[in-house]
Each structure stands twice: as C-alpha cells, then as structure tokens.
Amino acid sequence: MKDAKRLSKEFIQRILVNLGFNPKDAQVYVFLANEGPKKAKDIAEALSLYSSQIYRILKRLQINGAIDVTSEHPARFSAVIFEKVLDLLVEARREQYRALLASREELLSAWRSITEKDEEKS
C-alpha cells in the first residue's frame, strides 16, 4: 500500500510539473496536501530542504494560489484543495493561449523580418 501511495504522489508531482510547477514546488505542495498544515521549518526538515529554499518555494506557491498561510507566528502553511489548484492551472494556460493568439500577428511579422534579413545575406 505504501508503494502505491508513493507512486501516486510521484504521479501527481509529475503532472503538476507538466502543468507548470517546478519539481520542488510540486514536492512541497503534495507534501502539504498529504500531511496537513505545517511550519516552514518542519517542511524543510521533512523534505531535506534548506530554510532559504523552502521560503522561496512557499512564497511562489502562495502567490500562485496553491497554498494558504496562517497569520500566527510561526506561520503554518497548508495546501489548497487540489481541484482549485487544477482550476488555477487551467486558467493560467487559457491566459497563455489568449496572449499567444493576441500577439500572433506581431510575432509572425517579427519572424518574417528576421528571416527576410537572413535570406538577403545568403
């Protein structure tokens, strides 16, 4: 059973990385989702990460809406429900798609000007 749980954690981490998380962010998110609210020090110890590294990771996850943080001192960090994180990732991809579509003609024009200059030199 532990092997199946470990494999499913690794699977979710890979999915999160494929959707835009970096590997350490995915590892911390999955850890918090499984372990519940934790202090930064406890997360760092459990995952063998440096304190400075864990604070950067937690800040990124918080900015991206993947974790919540308490106002107590020391703060406790907890994972936002996975469904909401997936919704946030889907919306981010939609935004990227819209931005790419909006700049498509400008990008094509820039590409043509670059390749035309290269062809003139040949």
PDB file of N, CA and C in Angstrom:
ATOM      1  N   MET A   1       0.824  -1.203   0.000  1.00  0.00           N
ATOM      2  CA  MET A   1       0.000   0.000   0.000  1.00  0.00           C
ATOM      3  C   MET A   1       0.862   1.258   0.000  1.00  0.00           C
ATOM      4  N   LYS A   2       1.960   1.242   0.783  1.00  0.00           N
ATOM      5  CA  LYS A   2       2.833   2.417   0.827  1.00  0.00           C
ATOM      6  C   LYS A   2       3.454   2.691  -0.536  1.00  0.00           C
ATOM      7  N   ASP A   3       3.830   1.624  -1.262  1.00  0.00           N
ATOM      8  CA  ASP A   3       4.411   1.809  -2.592  1.00  0.00           C
ATOM      9  C   ASP A   3       3.406   2.430  -3.547  1.00  0.00           C
ATOM     10  N   ALA A   4       2.159   2.013  -3.481  1.00  0.00           N
ATOM     11  CA  ALA A   4       1.116   2.574  -4.342  1.00  0.00           C
ATOM     12  C   ALA A   4       0.898   4.049  -4.025  1.00  0.00           C
ATOM     13  N   LYS A   5       0.902   4.377  -2.743  1.00  0.00           N
ATOM     14  CA  LYS A   5       0.721   5.777  -2.335  1.00  0.00           C
ATOM     15  C   LYS A   5       1.912   6.619  -2.791  1.00  0.00           C
ATOM     16  N   ARG A   6       3.140   6.074  -2.647  1.00  0.00           N
ATOM     17  CA  ARG A   6       4.331   6.788  -3.085  1.00  0.00           C
ATOM     18  C   ARG A   6       4.285   7.024  -4.594  1.00  0.00           C
ATOM     19  N   LEU A   7       3.884   5.987  -5.342  1.00  0.00           N
ATOM     20  CA  LEU A   7       3.800   6.119  -6.797  1.00  0.00           C
ATOM     21  C   LEU A   7       2.748   7.141  -7.195  1.00  0.00           C
ATOM     22  N   SER A   8       1.616   7.168  -6.488  1.00  0.00           N
ATOM     23  CA  SER A   8       0.590   8.133  -6.839  1.00  0.00           C
ATOM     24  C   SER A   8       1.039   9.557  -6.506  1.00  0.00           C
ATOM     25  N   LYS A   9       1.800   9.730  -5.427  1.00  0.00           N
ATOM     26  CA  LYS A   9       2.361  11.049  -5.108  1.00  0.00           C
ATOM     27  C   LYS A   9       3.314  11.489  -6.214  1.00  0.00           C
ATOM     28  N   GLU A  10       4.166  10.568  -6.644  1.00  0.00           N
ATOM     29  CA  GLU A  10       5.115  10.885  -7.725  1.00  0.00           C
ATOM     30  C   GLU A  10       4.374  11.207  -9.012  1.00  0.00           C
ATOM     31  N   PHE A  11       3.299  10.484  -9.285  1.00  0.00           N
ATOM     32  CA  PHE A  11       2.489  10.734 -10.477  1.00  0.00           C
ATOM     33  C   PHE A  11       1.908  12.147 -10.430  1.00  0.00           C
ATOM     34  N   ILE A  12       1.308  12.510  -9.305  1.00  0.00           N
ATOM     35  CA  ILE A  12       0.726  13.855  -9.154  1.00  0.00           C
ATOM     36  C   ILE A  12       1.813  14.917  -9.284  1.00  0.00           C
ATOM     37  N   GLN A  13       2.975  14.679  -8.696  1.00  0.00           N
ATOM     38  CA  GLN A  13       4.077  15.642  -8.806  1.00  0.00           C
ATOM     39  C   GLN A  13       4.468  15.823 -10.271  1.00  0.00           C
ATOM     40  N   ARG A  14       4.560  14.728 -11.027  1.00  0.00           N
ATOM     41  CA  ARG A  14       4.911  14.828 -12.456  1.00  0.00           C
ATOM     42  C   ARG A  14       3.851  15.613 -13.220  1.00  0.00           C
ATOM     43  N   ILE A  15       2.592  15.361 -12.902  1.00  0.00           N
ATOM     44  CA  ILE A  15       1.500  16.097 -13.562  1.00  0.00           C
ATOM     45  C   ILE A  15       1.620  17.585 -13.262  1.00  0.00           C
ATOM     46  N   LEU A  16       1.849  17.919 -11.997  1.00  0.00           N
ATOM     47  CA  LEU A  16       1.990  19.327 -11.623  1.00  0.00           C
ATOM     48  C   LEU A  16       3.162  19.979 -12.345  1.00  0.00           C
ATOM     49  N   VAL A  17       4.261  19.267 -12.473  1.00  0.00           N
ATOM     50  CA  VAL A  17       5.423  19.798 -13.203  1.00  0.00           C
ATOM     51  C   VAL A  17       5.048  20.015 -14.669  1.00  0.00           C
ATOM     52  N   ASN A  18       4.344  19.064 -15.263  1.00  0.00           N
ATOM     53  CA  ASN A  18       3.914  19.213 -16.656  1.00  0.00           C
ATOM     54  C   ASN A  18       2.968  20.390 -16.838  1.00  0.00           C
ATOM     55  N   LEU A  19       2.270  20.762 -15.773  1.00  0.00           N
ATOM     56  CA  LEU A  19       1.330  21.886 -15.845  1.00  0.00           C
ATOM     57  C   LEU A  19       1.947  23.220 -15.432  1.00  0.00           C
ATOM     58  N   GLY A  20       3.247  23.223 -15.108  1.00  0.00           N
ATOM     59  CA  GLY A  20       3.895  24.495 -14.840  1.00  0.00           C
ATOM     60  C   GLY A  20       4.587  24.650 -13.498  1.00  0.00           C
ATOM     61  N   PHE A  21       4.348  23.758 -12.563  1.00  0.00           N
ATOM     62  CA  PHE A  21       5.076  23.817 -11.294  1.00  0.00           C
ATOM     63  C   PHE A  21       6.525  23.424 -11.542  1.00  0.00           C
ATOM     64  N   ASN A  22       7.450  23.939 -10.727  1.00  0.00           N
ATOM     65  CA  ASN A  22       8.787  23.355 -10.803  1.00  0.00           C
ATOM     66  C   ASN A  22       8.800  22.152  -9.859  1.00  0.00           C
ATOM     67  N   PRO A  23       9.747  21.237 -10.007  1.00  0.00           N
ATOM     68  CA  PRO A  23       9.710  19.987  -9.233  1.00  0.00           C
ATOM     69  C   PRO A  23       9.660  20.171  -7.716  1.00  0.00           C
ATOM     70  N   LYS A  24      10.415  21.104  -7.176  1.00  0.00           N
ATOM     71  CA  LYS A  24      10.411  21.311  -5.719  1.00  0.00           C
ATOM     72  C   LYS A  24       9.071  21.878  -5.242  1.00  0.00           C
ATOM     73  N   ASP A  25       8.484  22.784  -6.037  1.00  0.00           N
ATOM     74  CA  ASP A  25       7.173  23.332  -5.690  1.00  0.00           C
ATOM     75  C   ASP A  25       6.139  22.210  -5.636  1.00  0.00           C
ATOM     76  N   ALA A  26       6.171  21.323  -6.628  1.00  0.00           N
ATOM     77  CA  ALA A  26       5.236  20.198  -6.672  1.00  0.00           C
ATOM     78  C   ALA A  26       5.443  19.285  -5.463  1.00  0.00           C
ATOM     79  N   GLN A  27       6.696  19.047  -5.114  1.00  0.00           N
ATOM     80  CA  GLN A  27       7.011  18.186  -3.969  1.00  0.00           C
ATOM     81  C   GLN A  27       6.439  18.788  -2.681  1.00  0.00           C
ATOM     82  N   VAL A  28       6.627  20.078  -2.485  1.00  0.00           N
ATOM     83  CA  VAL A  28       6.134  20.742  -1.271  1.00  0.00           C
ATOM     84  C   VAL A  28       4.607  20.749  -1.249  1.00  0.00           C
ATOM     85  N   TYR A  29       3.987  21.049  -2.390  1.00  0.00           N
ATOM     86  CA  TYR A  29       2.519  21.063  -2.446  1.00  0.00           C
ATOM     87  C   TYR A  29       1.951  19.695  -2.072  1.00  0.00           C
ATOM     88  N   VAL A  30       2.465  18.638  -2.682  1.00  0.00           N
ATOM     89  CA  VAL A  30       1.966  17.285  -2.411  1.00  0.00           C
ATOM     90  C   VAL A  30       2.215  16.907  -0.950  1.00  0.00           C
ATOM     91  N   PHE A  31       3.366  17.294  -0.419  1.00  0.00           N
ATOM     92  CA  PHE A  31       3.660  17.035   0.991  1.00  0.00           C
ATOM     93  C   PHE A  31       2.603  17.687   1.878  1.00  0.00           C
ATOM     94  N   LEU A  32       2.325  18.967   1.643  1.00  0.00           N
ATOM     95  CA  LEU A  32       1.338  19.673   2.459  1.00  0.00           C
ATOM     96  C   LEU A  32      -0.063  19.089   2.287  1.00  0.00           C
ATOM     97  N   ALA A  33      -0.395  18.676   1.080  1.00  0.00           N
ATOM     98  CA  ALA A  33      -1.710  18.088   0.829  1.00  0.00           C
ATOM     99  C   ALA A  33      -1.876  16.789   1.617  1.00  0.00           C
ATOM    100  N   ASN A  34      -0.802  16.053   1.771  1.00  0.00           N
ATOM    101  CA  ASN A  34      -0.862  14.779   2.486  1.00  0.00           C
ATOM    102  C   ASN A  34      -0.686  14.918   3.996  1.00  0.00           C
ATOM    103  N   GLU A  35       0.111  15.871   4.410  1.00  0.00           N
ATOM    104  CA  GLU A  35       0.463  15.985   5.828  1.00  0.00           C
ATOM    105  C   GLU A  35      -0.349  17.014   6.595  1.00  0.00           C
ATOM    106  N   GLY A  36      -1.011  17.916   5.892  1.00  0.00           N
ATOM    107  CA  GLY A  36      -1.765  18.957   6.569  1.00  0.00           C
ATOM    108  C   GLY A  36      -0.882  20.149   6.900  1.00  0.00           C
ATOM    109  N   PRO A  37      -1.432  21.136   7.587  1.00  0.00           N
ATOM    110  CA  PRO A  37      -0.694  22.370   7.884  1.00  0.00           C
ATOM    111  C   PRO A  37       0.625  22.107   8.610  1.00  0.00           C
ATOM    112  N   LYS A  38       1.656  22.781   8.158  1.00  0.00           N
ATOM    113  CA  LYS A  38       2.993  22.616   8.744  1.00  0.00           C
ATOM    114  C   LYS A  38       3.709  23.962   8.784  1.00  0.00           C
ATOM    115  N   LYS A  39       4.645  24.063   9.718  1.00  0.00           N
ATOM    116  CA  LYS A  39       5.538  25.217   9.780  1.00  0.00           C
ATOM    117  C   LYS A  39       6.630  25.029   8.729  1.00  0.00           C
ATOM    118  N   ALA A  40       7.188  26.130   8.261  1.00  0.00           N
ATOM    119  CA  ALA A  40       8.236  26.069   7.238  1.00  0.00           C
ATOM    120  C   ALA A  40       9.400  25.195   7.685  1.00  0.00           C
ATOM    121  N   LYS A  41       9.777  25.336   8.944  1.00  0.00           N
ATOM    122  CA  LYS A  41      10.896  24.560   9.493  1.00  0.00           C
ATOM    123  C   LYS A  41      10.619  23.066   9.396  1.00  0.00           C
ATOM    124  N   ASP A  42       9.400  22.667   9.703  1.00  0.00           N
ATOM    125  CA  ASP A  42       9.026  21.250   9.646  1.00  0.00           C
ATOM    126  C   ASP A  42       9.013  20.729   8.211  1.00  0.00           C
ATOM    127  N   ILE A  43       8.560  21.561   7.286  1.00  0.00           N
ATOM    128  CA  ILE A  43       8.546  21.170   5.863  1.00  0.00           C
ATOM    129  C   ILE A  43       9.981  20.988   5.380  1.00  0.00           C
ATOM    130  N   ALA A  44      10.818  21.944   5.703  1.00  0.00           N
ATOM    131  CA  ALA A  44      12.223  21.882   5.284  1.00  0.00           C
ATOM    132  C   ALA A  44      12.897  20.624   5.818  1.00  0.00           C
ATOM    133  N   GLU A  45      12.667  20.319   7.080  1.00  0.00           N
ATOM    134  CA  GLU A  45      13.277  19.125   7.680  1.00  0.00           C
ATOM    135  C   GLU A  45      12.757  17.849   7.028  1.00  0.00           C
ATOM    136  N   ALA A  46      11.446  17.761   6.846  1.00  0.00           N
ATOM    137  CA  ALA A  46      10.844  16.545   6.291  1.00  0.00           C
ATOM    138  C   ALA A  46      11.302  16.277   4.859  1.00  0.00           C
ATOM    139  N   LEU A  47      11.529  17.356   4.102  1.00  0.00           N
ATOM    140  CA  LEU A  47      11.896  17.207   2.693  1.00  0.00           C
ATOM    141  C   LEU A  47      13.383  17.429   2.438  1.00  0.00           C
ATOM    142  N   SER A  48      14.154  17.604   3.500  1.00  0.00           N
ATOM    143  CA  SER A  48      15.603  17.838   3.399  1.00  0.00           C
ATOM    144  C   SER A  48      15.934  19.022   2.488  1.00  0.00           C
ATOM    145  N   LEU A  49      15.266  20.136   2.756  1.00  0.00           N
ATOM    146  CA  LEU A  49      15.499  21.372   2.005  1.00  0.00           C
ATOM    147  C   LEU A  49      16.065  22.430   2.950  1.00  0.00           C
ATOM    148  N   TYR A  50      16.803  23.373   2.389  1.00  0.00           N
ATOM    149  CA  TYR A  50      17.331  24.489   3.174  1.00  0.00           C
ATOM    150  C   TYR A  50      16.205  25.465   3.503  1.00  0.00           C
ATOM    151  N   SER A  51      16.328  26.143   4.620  1.00  0.00           N
ATOM    152  CA  SER A  51      15.307  27.114   5.024  1.00  0.00           C
ATOM    153  C   SER A  51      15.096  28.187   3.967  1.00  0.00           C
ATOM    154  N   SER A  52      16.189  28.723   3.435  1.00  0.00           N
ATOM    155  CA  SER A  52      16.055  29.771   2.421  1.00  0.00           C
ATOM    156  C   SER A  52      15.313  29.243   1.194  1.00  0.00           C
ATOM    157  N   GLN A  53      15.586  28.000   0.851  1.00  0.00           N
ATOM    158  CA  GLN A  53      14.928  27.378  -0.298  1.00  0.00           C
ATOM    159  C   GLN A  53      13.436  27.181  -0.028  1.00  0.00           C
ATOM    160  N   ILE A  54      13.095  26.720   1.151  1.00  0.00           N
ATOM    161  CA  ILE A  54      11.695  26.447   1.464  1.00  0.00           C
ATOM    162  C   ILE A  54      10.879  27.734   1.485  1.00  0.00           C
ATOM    163  N   TYR A  55      11.461  28.827   1.968  1.00  0.00           N
ATOM    164  CA  TYR A  55      10.716  30.082   1.992  1.00  0.00           C
ATOM    165  C   TYR A  55      10.448  30.602   0.583  1.00  0.00           C
ATOM    166  N   ARG A  56      11.390  30.443  -0.329  1.00  0.00           N
ATOM    167  CA  ARG A  56      11.151  30.840  -1.731  1.00  0.00           C
ATOM    168  C   ARG A  56      10.051  29.987  -2.356  1.00  0.00           C
ATOM    169  N   ILE A  57      10.100  28.699  -2.096  1.00  0.00           N
ATOM    170  CA  ILE A  57       9.088  27.783  -2.630  1.00  0.00           C
ATOM    171  C   ILE A  57       7.710  28.138  -2.084  1.00  0.00           C
ATOM    172  N   LEU A  58       7.626  28.337  -0.780  1.00  0.00           N
ATOM    173  CA  LEU A  58       6.343  28.664  -0.153  1.00  0.00           C
ATOM    174  C   LEU A  58       5.787  29.980  -0.676  1.00  0.00           C
ATOM    175  N   LYS A  59       6.654  30.952  -0.895  1.00  0.00           N
ATOM    176  CA  LYS A  59       6.204  32.241  -1.432  1.00  0.00           C
ATOM    177  C   LYS A  59       5.618  32.064  -2.832  1.00  0.00           C
ATOM    178  N   ARG A  60       6.322  31.290  -3.694  1.00  0.00           N
ATOM    179  CA  ARG A  60       5.816  31.037  -5.056  1.00  0.00           C
ATOM    180  C   ARG A  60       4.471  30.320  -5.014  1.00  0.00           C
ATOM    181  N   LEU A  61       4.374  29.306  -4.168  1.00  0.00           N
ATOM    182  CA  LEU A  61       3.115  28.561  -4.070  1.00  0.00           C
ATOM    183  C   LEU A  61       1.981  29.451  -3.562  1.00  0.00           C
ATOM    184  N   GLN A  62       2.306  30.330  -2.627  1.00  0.00           N
ATOM    185  CA  GLN A  62       1.293  31.251  -2.103  1.00  0.00           C
ATOM    186  C   GLN A  62       0.860  32.238  -3.184  1.00  0.00           C
ATOM    187  N   ILE A  63       1.799  32.816  -3.898  1.00  0.00           N
ATOM    188  CA  ILE A  63       1.483  33.768  -4.973  1.00  0.00           C
ATOM    189  C   ILE A  63       0.618  33.111  -6.045  1.00  0.00           C
ATOM    190  N   ASN A  64       0.914  31.837  -6.333  1.00  0.00           N
ATOM    191  CA  ASN A  64       0.165  31.115  -7.363  1.00  0.00           C
ATOM    192  C   ASN A  64      -1.154  30.536  -6.868  1.00  0.00           C
ATOM    193  N   GLY A  65      -1.463  30.727  -5.594  1.00  0.00           N
ATOM    194  CA  GLY A  65      -2.745  30.292  -5.054  1.00  0.00           C
ATOM    195  C   GLY A  65      -2.824  28.822  -4.684  1.00  0.00           C
ATOM    196  N   ALA A  66      -1.668  28.152  -4.596  1.00  0.00           N
ATOM    197  CA  ALA A  66      -1.662  26.717  -4.303  1.00  0.00           C
ATOM    198  C   ALA A  66      -1.636  26.400  -2.816  1.00  0.00           C
ATOM    199  N   ILE A  67      -1.228  27.369  -2.002  1.00  0.00           N
ATOM    200  CA  ILE A  67      -1.209  27.150  -0.551  1.00  0.00           C
ATOM    201  C   ILE A  67      -1.788  28.361   0.165  1.00  0.00           C
ATOM    202  N   ASP A  68      -2.224  28.100   1.371  1.00  0.00           N
ATOM    203  CA  ASP A  68      -2.678  29.158   2.284  1.00  0.00           C
ATOM    204  C   ASP A  68      -1.681  29.256   3.423  1.00  0.00           C
ATOM    205  N   VAL A  69      -1.627  30.423   4.043  1.00  0.00           N
ATOM    206  CA  VAL A  69      -0.726  30.634   5.172  1.00  0.00           C
ATOM    207  C   VAL A  69      -1.501  31.303   6.302  1.00  0.00           C
ATOM    208  N   THR A  70      -1.231  30.873   7.521  1.00  0.00           N
ATOM    209  CA  THR A  70      -1.888  31.477   8.675  1.00  0.00           C
ATOM    210  C   THR A  70      -1.151  32.757   9.058  1.00  0.00           C
ATOM    211  N   SER A  71      -1.811  33.582   9.868  1.00  0.00           N
ATOM    212  CA  SER A  71      -1.172  34.825  10.317  1.00  0.00           C
ATOM    213  C   SER A  71      -0.434  34.638  11.638  1.00  0.00           C
ATOM    214  N   GLU A  72      -0.554  33.457  12.250  1.00  0.00           N
ATOM    215  CA  GLU A  72       0.139  33.212  13.512  1.00  0.00           C
ATOM    216  C   GLU A  72       1.648  33.173  13.293  1.00  0.00           C
ATOM    217  N   HIS A  73       2.371  33.253  14.408  1.00  0.00           N
ATOM    218  CA  HIS A  73       3.832  33.195  14.322  1.00  0.00           C
ATOM    219  C   HIS A  73       4.341  32.062  15.185  1.00  0.00           C
ATOM    220  N   PRO A  74       5.051  31.094  14.675  1.00  0.00           N
ATOM    221  CA  PRO A  74       5.400  30.968  13.256  1.00  0.00           C
ATOM    222  C   PRO A  74       4.194  30.525  12.423  1.00  0.00           C
ATOM    223  N   ALA A  75       4.195  30.965  11.192  1.00  0.00           N
ATOM    224  CA  ALA A  75       3.086  30.678  10.278  1.00  0.00           C
ATOM    225  C   ALA A  75       3.021  29.188   9.961  1.00  0.00           C
ATOM    226  N   ARG A  76       1.828  28.747   9.675  1.00  0.00           N
ATOM    227  CA  ARG A  76       1.617  27.376   9.197  1.00  0.00           C
ATOM    228  C   ARG A  76       1.118  27.470   7.762  1.00  0.00           C
ATOM    229  N   PHE A  77       1.590  26.547   6.950  1.00  0.00           N
ATOM    230  CA  PHE A  77       1.252  26.529   5.534  1.00  0.00           C
ATOM    231  C   PHE A  77       0.415  25.288   5.246  1.00  0.00           C
ATOM    232  N   SER A  78      -0.606  25.452   4.414  1.00  0.00           N
ATOM    233  CA  SER A  78      -1.456  24.316   4.062  1.00  0.00           C
ATOM    234  C   SER A  78      -1.790  24.368   2.576  1.00  0.00           C
ATOM    235  N   ALA A  79      -2.000  23.188   2.012  1.00  0.00           N
ATOM    236  CA  ALA A  79      -2.319  23.080   0.589  1.00  0.00           C
ATOM    237  C   ALA A  79      -3.769  23.476   0.346  1.00  0.00           C
ATOM    238  N   VAL A  80      -3.984  24.213  -0.721  1.00  0.00           N
ATOM    239  CA  VAL A  80      -5.332  24.500  -1.195  1.00  0.00           C
ATOM    240  C   VAL A  80      -5.838  23.209  -1.839  1.00  0.00           C
ATOM    241  N   ILE A  81      -7.143  22.986  -1.839  1.00  0.00           N
ATOM    242  CA  ILE A  81      -7.654  21.735  -2.398  1.00  0.00           C
ATOM    243  C   ILE A  81      -7.193  21.568  -3.849  1.00  0.00           C
ATOM    244  N   PHE A  82      -6.904  20.342  -4.190  1.00  0.00           N
ATOM    245  CA  PHE A  82      -6.322  20.015  -5.493  1.00  0.00           C
ATOM    246  C   PHE A  82      -7.204  20.472  -6.655  1.00  0.00           C
ATOM    247  N   GLU A  83      -8.506  20.342  -6.513  1.00  0.00           N
ATOM    248  CA  GLU A  83      -9.432  20.768  -7.567  1.00  0.00           C
ATOM    249  C   GLU A  83      -9.247  22.256  -7.887  1.00  0.00           C
ATOM    250  N   LYS A  84      -9.090  23.069  -6.859  1.00  0.00           N
ATOM    251  CA  LYS A  84      -8.902  24.507  -7.066  1.00  0.00           C
ATOM    252  C   LYS A  84      -7.556  24.789  -7.740  1.00  0.00           C
ATOM    253  N   VAL A  85      -6.520  24.049  -7.337  1.00  0.00           N
ATOM    254  CA  VAL A  85      -5.203  24.218  -7.950  1.00  0.00           C
ATOM    255  C   VAL A  85      -5.274  23.861  -9.433  1.00  0.00           C
ATOM    256  N   LEU A  86      -5.966  22.770  -9.758  1.00  0.00           N
ATOM    257  CA  LEU A  86      -6.121  22.405 -11.172  1.00  0.00           C
ATOM    258  C   LEU A  86      -6.868  23.491 -11.931  1.00  0.00           C
ATOM    259  N   ASP A  87      -7.914  24.041 -11.328  1.00  0.00           N
ATOM    260  CA  ASP A  87      -8.661  25.132 -11.971  1.00  0.00           C
ATOM    261  C   ASP A  87      -7.756  26.338 -12.220  1.00  0.00           C
ATOM    262  N   LEU A  88      -6.907  26.674 -11.251  1.00  0.00           N
ATOM    263  CA  LEU A  88      -5.975  27.789 -11.407  1.00  0.00           C
ATOM    264  C   LEU A  88      -4.984  27.526 -12.540  1.00  0.00           C
ATOM    265  N   LEU A  89      -4.492  26.291 -12.627  1.00  0.00           N
ATOM    266  CA  LEU A  89      -3.550  25.932 -13.688  1.00  0.00           C
ATOM    267  C   LEU A  89      -4.215  25.975 -15.057  1.00  0.00           C
ATOM    268  N   VAL A  90      -5.458  25.508 -15.144  1.00  0.00           N
ATOM    269  CA  VAL A  90      -6.202  25.556 -16.409  1.00  0.00           C
ATOM    270  C   VAL A  90      -6.395  27.004 -16.827  1.00  0.00           C
ATOM    271  N   GLU A  91      -6.778  27.853 -15.890  1.00  0.00           N
ATOM    272  CA  GLU A  91      -6.993  29.268 -16.218  1.00  0.00           C
ATOM    273  C   GLU A  91      -5.695  29.935 -16.657  1.00  0.00           C
ATOM    274  N   ALA A  92      -4.583  29.591 -16.023  1.00  0.00           N
ATOM    275  CA  ALA A  92      -3.290  30.151 -16.428  1.00  0.00           C
ATOM    276  C   ALA A  92      -2.962  29.747 -17.862  1.00  0.00           C
ATOM    277  N   ARG A  93      -3.237  28.489 -18.205  1.00  0.00           N
ATOM    278  CA  ARG A  93      -2.996  28.035 -19.582  1.00  0.00           C
ATOM    279  C   ARG A  93      -3.906  28.756 -20.569  1.00  0.00           C
ATOM    280  N   ARG A  94      -5.150  28.990 -20.180  1.00  0.00           N
ATOM    281  CA  ARG A  94      -6.077  29.749 -21.047  1.00  0.00           C
ATOM    282  C   ARG A  94      -5.533  31.152 -21.296  1.00  0.00           C
ATOM    283  N   GLU A  95      -5.046  31.782 -20.243  1.00  0.00           N
ATOM    284  CA  GLU A  95      -4.476  33.127 -20.373  1.00  0.00           C
ATOM    285  C   GLU A  95      -3.275  33.125 -21.319  1.00  0.00           C
ATOM    286  N   GLN A  96      -2.417  32.111 -21.181  1.00  0.00           N
ATOM    287  CA  GLN A  96      -1.260  31.997 -22.075  1.00  0.00           C
ATOM    288  C   GLN A  96      -1.716  31.840 -23.523  1.00  0.00           C
ATOM    289  N   TYR A  97      -2.742  31.025 -23.728  1.00  0.00           N
ATOM    290  CA  TYR A  97      -3.291  30.810 -25.062  1.00  0.00           C
ATOM    291  C   TYR A  97      -3.839  32.114 -25.636  1.00  0.00           C
ATOM    292  N   ARG A  98      -4.617  32.835 -24.837  1.00  0.00           N
ATOM    293  CA  ARG A  98      -5.178  34.115 -25.302  1.00  0.00           C
ATOM    294  C   ARG A  98      -4.066  35.113 -25.625  1.00  0.00           C
ATOM    295  N   ALA A  99      -3.044  35.162 -24.784  1.00  0.00           N
ATOM    296  CA  ALA A  99      -1.928  36.088 -25.021  1.00  0.00           C
ATOM    297  C   ALA A  99      -1.188  35.722 -26.306  1.00  0.00           C
ATOM    298  N   LEU A 100      -0.992  34.437 -26.534  1.00  0.00           N
ATOM    299  CA  LEU A 100      -0.328  33.997 -27.758  1.00  0.00           C
ATOM    300  C   LEU A 100      -1.154  34.357 -28.979  1.00  0.00           C
ATOM    301  N   LEU A 101      -2.460  34.124 -28.919  1.00  0.00           N
ATOM    302  CA  LEU A 101      -3.327  34.496 -30.037  1.00  0.00           C
ATOM    303  C   LEU A 101      -3.294  36.001 -30.292  1.00  0.00           C
ATOM    304  N   ALA A 102      -3.315  36.778 -29.214  1.00  0.00           N
ATOM    305  CA  ALA A 102      -3.321  38.237 -29.343  1.00  0.00           C
ATOM    306  C   ALA A 102      -2.039  38.762 -29.975  1.00  0.00           C
ATOM    307  N   SER A 103      -0.931  38.091 -29.733  1.00  0.00           N
ATOM    308  CA  SER A 103       0.345  38.567 -30.262  1.00  0.00           C
ATOM    309  C   SER A 103       0.800  37.793 -31.504  1.00  0.00           C
ATOM    310  N   ARG A 104      -0.044  36.909 -32.014  1.00  0.00           N
ATOM    311  CA  ARG A 104       0.325  36.052 -33.137  1.00  0.00           C
ATOM    312  C   ARG A 104       0.817  36.844 -34.350  1.00  0.00           C
ATOM    313  N   GLU A 105       0.035  37.800 -34.790  1.00  0.00           N
ATOM    314  CA  GLU A 105       0.411  38.563 -35.990  1.00  0.00           C
ATOM    315  C   GLU A 105       1.704  39.343 -35.787  1.00  0.00           C
ATOM    316  N   GLU A 106       1.858  39.936 -34.616  1.00  0.00           N
ATOM    317  CA  GLU A 106       3.089  40.668 -34.304  1.00  0.00           C
ATOM    318  C   GLU A 106       4.299  39.726 -34.315  1.00  0.00           C
ATOM    319  N   LEU A 107       4.128  38.550 -33.745  1.00  0.00           N
ATOM    320  CA  LEU A 107       5.212  37.559 -33.739  1.00  0.00           C
ATOM    321  C   LEU A 107       5.550  37.098 -35.149  1.00  0.00           C
ATOM    322  N   LEU A 108       4.530  36.842 -35.959  1.00  0.00           N
ATOM    323  CA  LEU A 108       4.773  36.419 -37.346  1.00  0.00           C
ATOM    324  C   LEU A 108       5.476  37.511 -38.143  1.00  0.00           C
ATOM    325  N   SER A 109       5.078  38.741 -37.927  1.00  0.00           N
ATOM    326  CA  SER A 109       5.716  39.860 -38.610  1.00  0.00           C
ATOM    327  C   SER A 109       7.183  39.975 -38.209  1.00  0.00           C
ATOM    328  N   ALA A 110       7.454  39.858 -36.920  1.00  0.00           N
ATOM    329  CA  ALA A 110       8.839  39.913 -36.441  1.00  0.00           C
ATOM    330  C   ALA A 110       9.639  38.751 -37.018  1.00  0.00           C
ATOM    331  N   TRP A 111       9.040  37.585 -37.071  1.00  0.00           N
ATOM    332  CA  TRP A 111       9.718  36.406 -37.625  1.00  0.00           C
ATOM    333  C   TRP A 111      10.055  36.625 -39.100  1.00  0.00           C
ATOM    334  N   ARG A 112       9.096  37.145 -39.844  1.00  0.00           N
ATOM    335  CA  ARG A 112       9.333  37.398 -41.273  1.00  0.00           C
ATOM    336  C   ARG A 112      10.472  38.394 -41.475  1.00  0.00           C
ATOM    337  N   SER A 113      10.499  39.432 -40.656  1.00  0.00           N
ATOM    338  CA  SER A 113      11.565  40.431 -40.819  1.00  0.00           C
ATOM    339  C   SER A 113      12.928  39.832 -40.499  1.00  0.00           C
ATOM    340  N   ILE A 114      12.987  38.927 -39.555  1.00  0.00           N
ATOM    341  CA  ILE A 114      14.249  38.269 -39.212  1.00  0.00           C
ATOM    342  C   ILE A 114      14.684  37.335 -40.328  1.00  0.00           C
ATOM    343  N   THR A 115      13.757  36.528 -40.812  1.00  0.00           N
ATOM    344  CA  THR A 115      14.120  35.533 -41.833  1.00  0.00           C
ATOM    345  C   THR A 115      14.394  36.187 -43.177  1.00  0.00           C
ATOM    346  N   GLU A 116      13.718  37.295 -43.482  1.00  0.00           N
ATOM    347  CA  GLU A 116      13.985  38.003 -44.738  1.00  0.00           C
ATOM    348  C   GLU A 116      15.400  38.566 -44.733  1.00  0.00           C
ATOM    349  N   LYS A 117      15.842  39.082 -43.599  1.00  0.00           N
ATOM    350  CA  LYS A 117      17.201  39.618 -43.494  1.00  0.00           C
ATOM    351  C   LYS A 117      18.219  38.499 -43.665  1.00  0.00           C
ATOM    352  N   ASP A 118      17.919  37.339 -43.064  1.00  0.00           N
ATOM    353  CA  ASP A 118      18.805  36.202 -43.198  1.00  0.00           C
ATOM    354  C   ASP A 118      18.881  35.711 -44.650  1.00  0.00           C
ATOM    355  N   GLU A 119      17.753  35.744 -45.369  1.00  0.00           N
ATOM    356  CA  GLU A 119      17.723  35.300 -46.769  1.00  0.00           C
ATOM    357  C   GLU A 119      18.512  36.274 -47.655  1.00  0.00           C
ATOM    358  N   GLU A 120      18.437  37.574 -47.334  1.00  0.00           N
ATOM    359  CA  GLU A 120      19.164  38.581 -48.128  1.00  0.00           C
ATOM    360  C   GLU A 120      20.662  38.394 -48.003  1.00  0.00           C
ATOM    361  N   LYS A 121      21.133  37.930 -46.864  1.00  0.00           N
ATOM    362  CA  LYS A 121      22.567  37.719 -46.644  1.00  0.00           C
ATOM    363  C   LYS A 121      23.079  36.498 -47.385  1.00  0.00           C
ATOM    364  N   SER A 122      22.201  35.533 -47.692  1.00  0.00           N
ATOM    365  CA  SER A 122      22.640  34.293 -48.344  1.00  0.00           C
ATOM    366  C   SER A 122      23.029  34.474 -49.779  1.00  0.00           C
TER     367      SER A 122
END
